[in-house]
Amino acid sequence: MQRVIKIFILFCISLLLFFIDGQISTFFSNLLPISLHLISHLLFLAFMWFSLWYDLWQGLFLASFIGFFYDLYYHHVLGFAIILFPIIIFCLVKWNGIVLKNIWTNLLSLLLMIFFFEITTYFMAYLTGLTTRNFSDFVLCSLLISLLFNLFNCLLFYPIIRKIFI
């Protein structure tokens, strides 16, 4: 019963971060010029630390469920996040002894997760015809800004999150 409560709490926190990510991204999209597109990924930062609390199957279930909502809310097509989130969680759970050693491995892991997710999502959207943006515009106007913003978030929230989870 305690495992179910733990997964329910992690699910509620993930949903809350999912909506906060959307609000942060919308806020900065309104502030930045129209060509720049910042995407907040606090959810990936949470996934990194949640990997200490759940086993592989619980993490895959949580990631699939959150990926389902992510696809419906942001992509309007099922299949992008519902496939990529469990892959990210699988890697985190298998390598969390390495990933969560210090701040530098956390930063590198977060940047790799965001890079993997954004690049893969871009190519999936490009192949399915959901985007016509060329790759160099995507890298300069979206990926680079998102990586820098999320790097700043990780540095900002790292001391607080580390005290909570360790």
N, C-alpha and C. Protein backbone atom coordinates (compact mmCIF):
# COMPACT_ATOMS: atom_id res chain seq x y z
N MET A 1 0.81 -1.19 0.00
CA MET A 1 0.00 0.00 0.00
C MET A 1 0.86 1.27 0.00
N GLN A 2 1.98 1.19 0.73
CA GLN A 2 2.86 2.35 0.81
C GLN A 2 3.49 2.66 -0.56
N ARG A 3 3.76 1.62 -1.36
CA ARG A 3 4.31 1.84 -2.70
C ARG A 3 3.32 2.56 -3.59
N VAL A 4 2.05 2.22 -3.46
CA VAL A 4 1.01 2.87 -4.26
C VAL A 4 0.90 4.34 -3.88
N ILE A 5 0.96 4.62 -2.60
CA ILE A 5 0.89 6.02 -2.15
C ILE A 5 2.10 6.79 -2.66
N LYS A 6 3.28 6.17 -2.62
CA LYS A 6 4.50 6.82 -3.10
C LYS A 6 4.40 7.14 -4.59
N ILE A 7 3.92 6.19 -5.38
CA ILE A 7 3.77 6.42 -6.81
C ILE A 7 2.70 7.48 -7.07
N PHE A 8 1.63 7.48 -6.30
CA PHE A 8 0.58 8.49 -6.46
C PHE A 8 1.13 9.88 -6.16
N ILE A 9 1.94 10.01 -5.12
CA ILE A 9 2.54 11.30 -4.78
C ILE A 9 3.48 11.75 -5.89
N LEU A 10 4.31 10.85 -6.40
CA LEU A 10 5.21 11.19 -7.50
C LEU A 10 4.44 11.57 -8.76
N PHE A 11 3.33 10.88 -9.01
CA PHE A 11 2.50 11.21 -10.15
C PHE A 11 1.90 12.61 -10.01
N CYS A 12 1.41 12.94 -8.82
CA CYS A 12 0.83 14.28 -8.59
C CYS A 12 1.88 15.37 -8.73
N ILE A 13 3.07 15.13 -8.20
CA ILE A 13 4.16 16.10 -8.35
C ILE A 13 4.53 16.24 -9.82
N SER A 14 4.58 15.13 -10.54
CA SER A 14 4.91 15.17 -11.97
C SER A 14 3.87 15.95 -12.76
N LEU A 15 2.60 15.74 -12.46
CA LEU A 15 1.54 16.50 -13.14
C LEU A 15 1.63 17.98 -12.82
N LEU A 16 1.92 18.29 -11.58
CA LEU A 16 2.07 19.70 -11.19
C LEU A 16 3.25 20.33 -11.95
N LEU A 17 4.37 19.64 -12.02
CA LEU A 17 5.52 20.15 -12.77
C LEU A 17 5.24 20.24 -14.26
N PHE A 18 4.46 19.31 -14.75
CA PHE A 18 4.05 19.33 -16.15
C PHE A 18 3.32 20.64 -16.48
N PHE A 19 2.39 21.03 -15.63
CA PHE A 19 1.65 22.27 -15.86
C PHE A 19 2.50 23.51 -15.58
N ILE A 20 3.37 23.44 -14.58
CA ILE A 20 4.26 24.56 -14.31
C ILE A 20 5.21 24.76 -15.49
N ASP A 21 5.73 23.68 -16.06
CA ASP A 21 6.58 23.78 -17.26
C ASP A 21 5.85 24.51 -18.38
N GLY A 22 4.60 24.15 -18.58
CA GLY A 22 3.81 24.80 -19.63
C GLY A 22 3.63 26.28 -19.37
N GLN A 23 3.38 26.64 -18.12
CA GLN A 23 3.19 28.05 -17.79
C GLN A 23 4.49 28.85 -17.93
N ILE A 24 5.59 28.25 -17.51
CA ILE A 24 6.89 28.93 -17.65
C ILE A 24 7.22 29.13 -19.13
N SER A 25 7.01 28.08 -19.93
CA SER A 25 7.30 28.18 -21.36
C SER A 25 6.42 29.23 -22.02
N THR A 26 5.15 29.28 -21.67
CA THR A 26 4.24 30.27 -22.23
C THR A 26 4.63 31.68 -21.80
N PHE A 27 4.99 31.85 -20.54
CA PHE A 27 5.39 33.15 -20.04
C PHE A 27 6.60 33.69 -20.81
N PHE A 28 7.62 32.86 -20.96
CA PHE A 28 8.82 33.32 -21.66
C PHE A 28 8.61 33.45 -23.16
N SER A 29 7.70 32.67 -23.71
CA SER A 29 7.39 32.82 -25.14
C SER A 29 6.73 34.17 -25.41
N ASN A 30 5.97 34.65 -24.45
CA ASN A 30 5.35 35.97 -24.60
C ASN A 30 6.36 37.09 -24.42
N LEU A 31 7.41 36.87 -23.65
CA LEU A 31 8.43 37.89 -23.44
C LEU A 31 9.47 37.95 -24.56
N LEU A 32 9.81 36.79 -25.10
CA LEU A 32 10.86 36.71 -26.12
C LEU A 32 10.31 37.06 -27.50
N PRO A 33 11.18 37.41 -28.43
CA PRO A 33 10.72 37.63 -29.81
C PRO A 33 10.05 36.38 -30.37
N ILE A 34 9.25 36.57 -31.39
CA ILE A 34 8.43 35.48 -31.94
C ILE A 34 9.26 34.32 -32.48
N SER A 35 10.47 34.58 -32.93
CA SER A 35 11.29 33.51 -33.52
C SER A 35 11.94 32.63 -32.45
N LEU A 36 12.07 33.11 -31.22
CA LEU A 36 12.69 32.34 -30.15
C LEU A 36 11.64 31.55 -29.38
N HIS A 37 11.96 30.31 -29.09
CA HIS A 37 11.00 29.43 -28.43
C HIS A 37 11.70 28.69 -27.30
N LEU A 38 11.46 29.12 -26.07
CA LEU A 38 12.06 28.53 -24.89
C LEU A 38 11.14 27.45 -24.33
N ILE A 39 11.71 26.31 -23.98
CA ILE A 39 10.93 25.21 -23.42
C ILE A 39 11.52 24.83 -22.07
N SER A 40 10.72 24.89 -21.04
CA SER A 40 11.15 24.52 -19.70
C SER A 40 11.01 23.00 -19.53
N HIS A 41 12.00 22.39 -18.89
CA HIS A 41 11.97 20.94 -18.66
C HIS A 41 12.23 20.63 -17.19
N LEU A 42 11.46 21.24 -16.30
CA LEU A 42 11.56 20.91 -14.88
C LEU A 42 11.17 19.45 -14.62
N LEU A 43 10.33 18.93 -15.50
CA LEU A 43 9.90 17.54 -15.37
C LEU A 43 11.08 16.58 -15.48
N PHE A 44 12.03 16.88 -16.35
CA PHE A 44 13.21 16.02 -16.48
C PHE A 44 14.08 16.10 -15.24
N LEU A 45 14.17 17.28 -14.66
CA LEU A 45 14.92 17.44 -13.41
C LEU A 45 14.26 16.61 -12.31
N ALA A 46 12.95 16.61 -12.27
CA ALA A 46 12.23 15.80 -11.28
C ALA A 46 12.41 14.31 -11.56
N PHE A 47 12.34 13.91 -12.82
CA PHE A 47 12.56 12.49 -13.16
C PHE A 47 13.92 12.02 -12.68
N MET A 48 14.91 12.89 -12.79
CA MET A 48 16.26 12.52 -12.38
C MET A 48 16.29 12.18 -10.89
N TRP A 49 15.64 12.98 -10.07
CA TRP A 49 15.66 12.74 -8.64
C TRP A 49 14.63 11.70 -8.21
N PHE A 50 13.53 11.58 -8.94
CA PHE A 50 12.56 10.54 -8.62
C PHE A 50 13.13 9.15 -8.85
N SER A 51 14.13 9.03 -9.69
CA SER A 51 14.70 7.71 -9.98
C SER A 51 15.31 7.07 -8.74
N LEU A 52 15.52 7.84 -7.68
CA LEU A 52 15.97 7.27 -6.41
C LEU A 52 14.84 6.59 -5.66
N TRP A 53 13.61 6.98 -5.94
CA TRP A 53 12.47 6.52 -5.16
C TRP A 53 11.70 5.37 -5.77
N TYR A 54 11.84 5.10 -7.04
CA TYR A 54 11.04 4.03 -7.62
C TYR A 54 11.94 3.03 -8.34
N ASP A 55 11.37 1.84 -8.54
CA ASP A 55 12.10 0.85 -9.32
C ASP A 55 11.78 1.05 -10.81
N LEU A 56 12.35 0.20 -11.63
CA LEU A 56 12.24 0.39 -13.08
C LEU A 56 10.80 0.36 -13.57
N TRP A 57 10.01 -0.61 -13.14
CA TRP A 57 8.66 -0.75 -13.66
C TRP A 57 7.75 0.39 -13.21
N GLN A 58 7.92 0.83 -11.98
CA GLN A 58 7.15 1.98 -11.52
C GLN A 58 7.51 3.23 -12.30
N GLY A 59 8.81 3.40 -12.56
CA GLY A 59 9.27 4.56 -13.34
C GLY A 59 8.76 4.53 -14.76
N LEU A 60 8.77 3.34 -15.38
CA LEU A 60 8.27 3.22 -16.75
C LEU A 60 6.77 3.52 -16.82
N PHE A 61 6.04 3.04 -15.83
CA PHE A 61 4.59 3.32 -15.79
C PHE A 61 4.34 4.82 -15.63
N LEU A 62 5.06 5.44 -14.68
CA LEU A 62 4.90 6.87 -14.46
C LEU A 62 5.28 7.67 -15.70
N ALA A 63 6.38 7.31 -16.33
CA ALA A 63 6.83 8.03 -17.53
C ALA A 63 5.86 7.86 -18.69
N SER A 64 5.31 6.67 -18.86
CA SER A 64 4.35 6.44 -19.94
C SER A 64 3.08 7.26 -19.72
N PHE A 65 2.63 7.29 -18.49
CA PHE A 65 1.41 8.04 -18.18
C PHE A 65 1.62 9.53 -18.37
N ILE A 66 2.71 10.06 -17.86
CA ILE A 66 3.01 11.49 -18.03
C ILE A 66 3.28 11.78 -19.51
N GLY A 67 3.95 10.87 -20.21
CA GLY A 67 4.19 11.03 -21.64
C GLY A 67 2.90 11.10 -22.44
N PHE A 68 1.91 10.32 -22.02
CA PHE A 68 0.60 10.37 -22.67
C PHE A 68 -0.01 11.77 -22.57
N PHE A 69 0.00 12.34 -21.36
CA PHE A 69 -0.52 13.70 -21.18
C PHE A 69 0.32 14.73 -21.93
N TYR A 70 1.63 14.54 -21.93
CA TYR A 70 2.53 15.47 -22.61
C TYR A 70 2.24 15.49 -24.11
N ASP A 71 2.04 14.30 -24.69
CA ASP A 71 1.72 14.22 -26.11
C ASP A 71 0.38 14.89 -26.43
N LEU A 72 -0.61 14.63 -25.62
CA LEU A 72 -1.92 15.22 -25.88
C LEU A 72 -1.90 16.74 -25.71
N TYR A 73 -1.19 17.22 -24.72
CA TYR A 73 -1.22 18.64 -24.39
C TYR A 73 -0.33 19.46 -25.32
N TYR A 74 0.88 18.99 -25.61
CA TYR A 74 1.83 19.79 -26.38
C TYR A 74 1.91 19.41 -27.85
N HIS A 75 1.92 18.12 -28.14
CA HIS A 75 2.14 17.70 -29.53
C HIS A 75 0.85 17.43 -30.29
N HIS A 76 -0.23 17.14 -29.59
CA HIS A 76 -1.52 16.82 -30.19
C HIS A 76 -1.45 15.56 -31.06
N VAL A 77 -0.41 14.77 -30.84
CA VAL A 77 -0.23 13.49 -31.53
C VAL A 77 0.35 12.52 -30.51
N LEU A 78 -0.22 11.33 -30.41
CA LEU A 78 0.33 10.34 -29.49
C LEU A 78 1.55 9.68 -30.11
N GLY A 79 2.59 9.49 -29.30
CA GLY A 79 3.72 8.72 -29.75
C GLY A 79 5.08 9.33 -29.50
N PHE A 80 5.17 10.63 -29.37
CA PHE A 80 6.49 11.24 -29.18
C PHE A 80 6.97 11.03 -27.75
N ALA A 81 6.33 11.66 -26.81
CA ALA A 81 6.75 11.59 -25.41
C ALA A 81 6.42 10.24 -24.78
N ILE A 82 5.38 9.60 -25.27
CA ILE A 82 5.00 8.32 -24.70
C ILE A 82 6.07 7.24 -25.00
N ILE A 83 6.88 7.47 -26.01
CA ILE A 83 8.00 6.58 -26.32
C ILE A 83 9.29 7.09 -25.68
N LEU A 84 9.52 8.38 -25.74
CA LEU A 84 10.80 8.94 -25.28
C LEU A 84 10.92 9.03 -23.76
N PHE A 85 9.85 9.33 -23.05
CA PHE A 85 9.93 9.43 -21.59
C PHE A 85 10.34 8.10 -20.95
N PRO A 86 9.75 6.96 -21.33
CA PRO A 86 10.22 5.69 -20.75
C PRO A 86 11.68 5.36 -21.09
N ILE A 87 12.13 5.74 -22.28
CA ILE A 87 13.55 5.51 -22.61
C ILE A 87 14.44 6.32 -21.68
N ILE A 88 14.07 7.56 -21.43
CA ILE A 88 14.84 8.41 -20.52
C ILE A 88 14.81 7.84 -19.11
N ILE A 89 13.66 7.40 -18.65
CA ILE A 89 13.54 6.83 -17.30
C ILE A 89 14.36 5.55 -17.20
N PHE A 90 14.32 4.72 -18.23
CA PHE A 90 15.10 3.49 -18.22
C PHE A 90 16.58 3.80 -18.03
N CYS A 91 17.09 4.76 -18.76
CA CYS A 91 18.50 5.15 -18.63
C CYS A 91 18.80 5.72 -17.26
N LEU A 92 17.89 6.52 -16.73
CA LEU A 92 18.10 7.11 -15.40
C LEU A 92 18.14 6.05 -14.30
N VAL A 93 17.20 5.11 -14.35
CA VAL A 93 17.15 4.09 -13.31
C VAL A 93 18.38 3.17 -13.40
N LYS A 94 18.78 2.84 -14.61
CA LYS A 94 19.95 1.96 -14.76
C LYS A 94 21.25 2.64 -14.36
N TRP A 95 21.34 3.95 -14.55
CA TRP A 95 22.59 4.66 -14.30
C TRP A 95 22.50 5.70 -13.20
N ASN A 96 21.52 5.60 -12.29
CA ASN A 96 21.37 6.66 -11.30
C ASN A 96 22.52 6.71 -10.31
N GLY A 97 23.30 5.66 -10.15
CA GLY A 97 24.49 5.72 -9.32
C GLY A 97 25.54 6.64 -9.89
N ILE A 98 25.58 6.74 -11.20
CA ILE A 98 26.53 7.62 -11.87
C ILE A 98 25.94 9.02 -12.04
N VAL A 99 24.67 9.07 -12.38
CA VAL A 99 24.01 10.34 -12.71
C VAL A 99 23.95 11.27 -11.50
N LEU A 100 23.68 10.73 -10.33
CA LEU A 100 23.42 11.58 -9.17
C LEU A 100 24.62 11.71 -8.24
N LYS A 101 25.82 11.57 -8.76
CA LYS A 101 27.02 11.68 -7.91
C LYS A 101 27.28 13.09 -7.43
N ASN A 102 27.30 14.04 -8.33
CA ASN A 102 27.57 15.43 -7.95
C ASN A 102 26.85 16.36 -8.92
N ILE A 103 27.04 17.63 -8.73
CA ILE A 103 26.31 18.62 -9.53
C ILE A 103 26.70 18.55 -11.01
N TRP A 104 27.95 18.24 -11.29
CA TRP A 104 28.41 18.24 -12.69
C TRP A 104 27.80 17.09 -13.47
N THR A 105 27.68 15.92 -12.86
CA THR A 105 27.02 14.82 -13.56
C THR A 105 25.53 15.07 -13.68
N ASN A 106 24.94 15.76 -12.69
CA ASN A 106 23.52 16.13 -12.80
C ASN A 106 23.30 17.08 -13.97
N LEU A 107 24.15 18.09 -14.08
CA LEU A 107 24.02 19.05 -15.19
C LEU A 107 24.19 18.36 -16.53
N LEU A 108 25.22 17.55 -16.63
CA LEU A 108 25.45 16.84 -17.90
C LEU A 108 24.29 15.91 -18.24
N SER A 109 23.79 15.20 -17.24
CA SER A 109 22.65 14.29 -17.47
C SER A 109 21.41 15.05 -17.92
N LEU A 110 21.14 16.17 -17.26
CA LEU A 110 19.98 16.96 -17.63
C LEU A 110 20.11 17.50 -19.05
N LEU A 111 21.28 18.01 -19.38
CA LEU A 111 21.49 18.53 -20.73
C LEU A 111 21.38 17.43 -21.78
N LEU A 112 21.89 16.24 -21.47
CA LEU A 112 21.77 15.12 -22.42
C LEU A 112 20.32 14.67 -22.58
N MET A 113 19.57 14.65 -21.48
CA MET A 113 18.16 14.27 -21.57
C MET A 113 17.38 15.27 -22.44
N ILE A 114 17.61 16.54 -22.19
CA ILE A 114 16.91 17.57 -22.97
C ILE A 114 17.33 17.51 -24.43
N PHE A 115 18.62 17.37 -24.67
CA PHE A 115 19.11 17.29 -26.05
C PHE A 115 18.51 16.08 -26.77
N PHE A 116 18.54 14.92 -26.12
CA PHE A 116 17.97 13.71 -26.72
C PHE A 116 16.48 13.89 -27.01
N PHE A 117 15.74 14.42 -26.03
CA PHE A 117 14.30 14.57 -26.20
C PHE A 117 13.97 15.58 -27.30
N GLU A 118 14.61 16.73 -27.26
CA GLU A 118 14.30 17.78 -28.23
C GLU A 118 14.70 17.38 -29.66
N ILE A 119 15.89 16.83 -29.82
CA ILE A 119 16.34 16.43 -31.16
C ILE A 119 15.46 15.31 -31.71
N THR A 120 15.19 14.32 -30.90
CA THR A 120 14.35 13.21 -31.36
C THR A 120 12.93 13.68 -31.68
N THR A 121 12.39 14.53 -30.83
CA THR A 121 11.05 15.07 -31.09
C THR A 121 11.02 15.90 -32.37
N TYR A 122 12.07 16.69 -32.59
CA TYR A 122 12.13 17.49 -33.81
C TYR A 122 12.13 16.58 -35.04
N PHE A 123 12.98 15.56 -35.04
CA PHE A 123 13.04 14.68 -36.21
C PHE A 123 11.76 13.88 -36.40
N MET A 124 11.12 13.48 -35.32
CA MET A 124 9.84 12.78 -35.45
C MET A 124 8.78 13.73 -36.04
N ALA A 125 8.76 14.96 -35.57
CA ALA A 125 7.80 15.94 -36.09
C ALA A 125 8.11 16.29 -37.54
N TYR A 126 9.38 16.38 -37.87
CA TYR A 126 9.77 16.69 -39.26
C TYR A 126 9.39 15.55 -40.21
N LEU A 127 9.62 14.31 -39.76
CA LEU A 127 9.28 13.16 -40.61
C LEU A 127 7.77 12.98 -40.79
N THR A 128 7.01 13.37 -39.79
CA THR A 128 5.56 13.23 -39.90
C THR A 128 4.89 14.47 -40.49
N GLY A 129 5.68 15.51 -40.79
CA GLY A 129 5.14 16.71 -41.40
C GLY A 129 4.51 17.69 -40.43
N LEU A 130 4.79 17.55 -39.14
CA LEU A 130 4.21 18.47 -38.16
C LEU A 130 5.00 19.77 -38.04
N THR A 131 6.21 19.81 -38.58
CA THR A 131 6.99 21.04 -38.57
C THR A 131 7.68 21.22 -39.92
N THR A 132 7.84 22.47 -40.28
CA THR A 132 8.56 22.79 -41.51
C THR A 132 9.80 23.62 -41.20
N ARG A 133 10.06 23.84 -39.93
CA ARG A 133 11.22 24.61 -39.50
C ARG A 133 12.49 23.86 -39.84
N ASN A 134 13.48 24.56 -40.41
CA ASN A 134 14.71 23.85 -40.75
C ASN A 134 15.54 23.63 -39.48
N PHE A 135 16.50 22.72 -39.58
CA PHE A 135 17.24 22.25 -38.42
C PHE A 135 18.07 23.36 -37.78
N SER A 136 18.71 24.19 -38.56
CA SER A 136 19.55 25.24 -37.99
C SER A 136 18.71 26.26 -37.22
N ASP A 137 17.53 26.58 -37.70
CA ASP A 137 16.63 27.46 -36.95
C ASP A 137 16.20 26.82 -35.64
N PHE A 138 15.90 25.53 -35.70
CA PHE A 138 15.51 24.81 -34.50
C PHE A 138 16.63 24.84 -33.45
N VAL A 139 17.86 24.59 -33.87
CA VAL A 139 18.99 24.56 -32.93
C VAL A 139 19.23 25.94 -32.34
N LEU A 140 19.27 26.96 -33.17
CA LEU A 140 19.58 28.30 -32.69
C LEU A 140 18.43 28.97 -31.94
N CYS A 141 17.22 28.75 -32.37
CA CYS A 141 16.09 29.50 -31.80
C CYS A 141 15.32 28.73 -30.73
N SER A 142 15.55 27.45 -30.60
CA SER A 142 14.81 26.68 -29.61
C SER A 142 15.72 25.85 -28.72
N LEU A 143 16.52 24.99 -29.31
CA LEU A 143 17.32 24.05 -28.53
C LEU A 143 18.35 24.75 -27.64
N LEU A 144 19.11 25.66 -28.21
CA LEU A 144 20.16 26.34 -27.46
C LEU A 144 19.58 27.15 -26.30
N ILE A 145 18.52 27.88 -26.54
CA ILE A 145 17.89 28.69 -25.49
C ILE A 145 17.31 27.79 -24.40
N SER A 146 16.69 26.68 -24.79
CA SER A 146 16.12 25.76 -23.81
C SER A 146 17.21 25.11 -22.97
N LEU A 147 18.31 24.73 -23.59
CA LEU A 147 19.41 24.13 -22.83
C LEU A 147 19.98 25.12 -21.81
N LEU A 148 20.18 26.35 -22.22
CA LEU A 148 20.73 27.35 -21.30
C LEU A 148 19.75 27.66 -20.16
N PHE A 149 18.49 27.79 -20.48
CA PHE A 149 17.48 28.07 -19.45
C PHE A 149 17.40 26.93 -18.44
N ASN A 150 17.39 25.69 -18.91
CA ASN A 150 17.28 24.55 -18.02
C ASN A 150 18.57 24.31 -17.24
N LEU A 151 19.70 24.68 -17.81
CA LEU A 151 20.96 24.64 -17.08
C LEU A 151 20.90 25.61 -15.90
N PHE A 152 20.40 26.80 -16.15
CA PHE A 152 20.22 27.78 -15.08
C PHE A 152 19.26 27.26 -14.01
N ASN A 153 18.16 26.65 -14.42
CA ASN A 153 17.20 26.08 -13.46
C ASN A 153 17.84 25.00 -12.61
N CYS A 154 18.63 24.16 -13.23
CA CYS A 154 19.29 23.09 -12.48
C CYS A 154 20.25 23.67 -11.45
N LEU A 155 21.02 24.67 -11.84
CA LEU A 155 21.94 25.31 -10.89
C LEU A 155 21.18 26.01 -9.76
N LEU A 156 20.04 26.59 -10.10
CA LEU A 156 19.24 27.32 -9.12
C LEU A 156 18.58 26.38 -8.10
N PHE A 157 18.01 25.29 -8.58
CA PHE A 157 17.25 24.39 -7.72
C PHE A 157 18.06 23.25 -7.13
N TYR A 158 19.29 23.06 -7.55
CA TYR A 158 20.09 21.92 -7.11
C TYR A 158 20.25 21.85 -5.59
N PRO A 159 20.63 22.93 -4.91
CA PRO A 159 20.79 22.81 -3.44
C PRO A 159 19.49 22.43 -2.72
N ILE A 160 18.39 22.96 -3.18
CA ILE A 160 17.10 22.69 -2.54
C ILE A 160 16.70 21.22 -2.77
N ILE A 161 16.80 20.78 -4.01
CA ILE A 161 16.40 19.41 -4.36
C ILE A 161 17.30 18.39 -3.68
N ARG A 162 18.57 18.67 -3.62
CA ARG A 162 19.52 17.74 -2.98
C ARG A 162 19.19 17.56 -1.51
N LYS A 163 18.79 18.62 -0.83
CA LYS A 163 18.43 18.51 0.59
C LYS A 163 17.16 17.69 0.78
N ILE A 164 16.24 17.78 -0.17
CA ILE A 164 14.99 17.04 -0.05
C ILE A 164 15.20 15.54 -0.30
N PHE A 165 15.96 15.19 -1.33
CA PHE A 165 16.05 13.81 -1.76
C PHE A 165 17.20 13.03 -1.14
N ILE A 166 18.22 13.70 -0.65
CA ILE A 166 19.36 12.95 -0.09
C ILE A 166 19.56 13.34 1.35
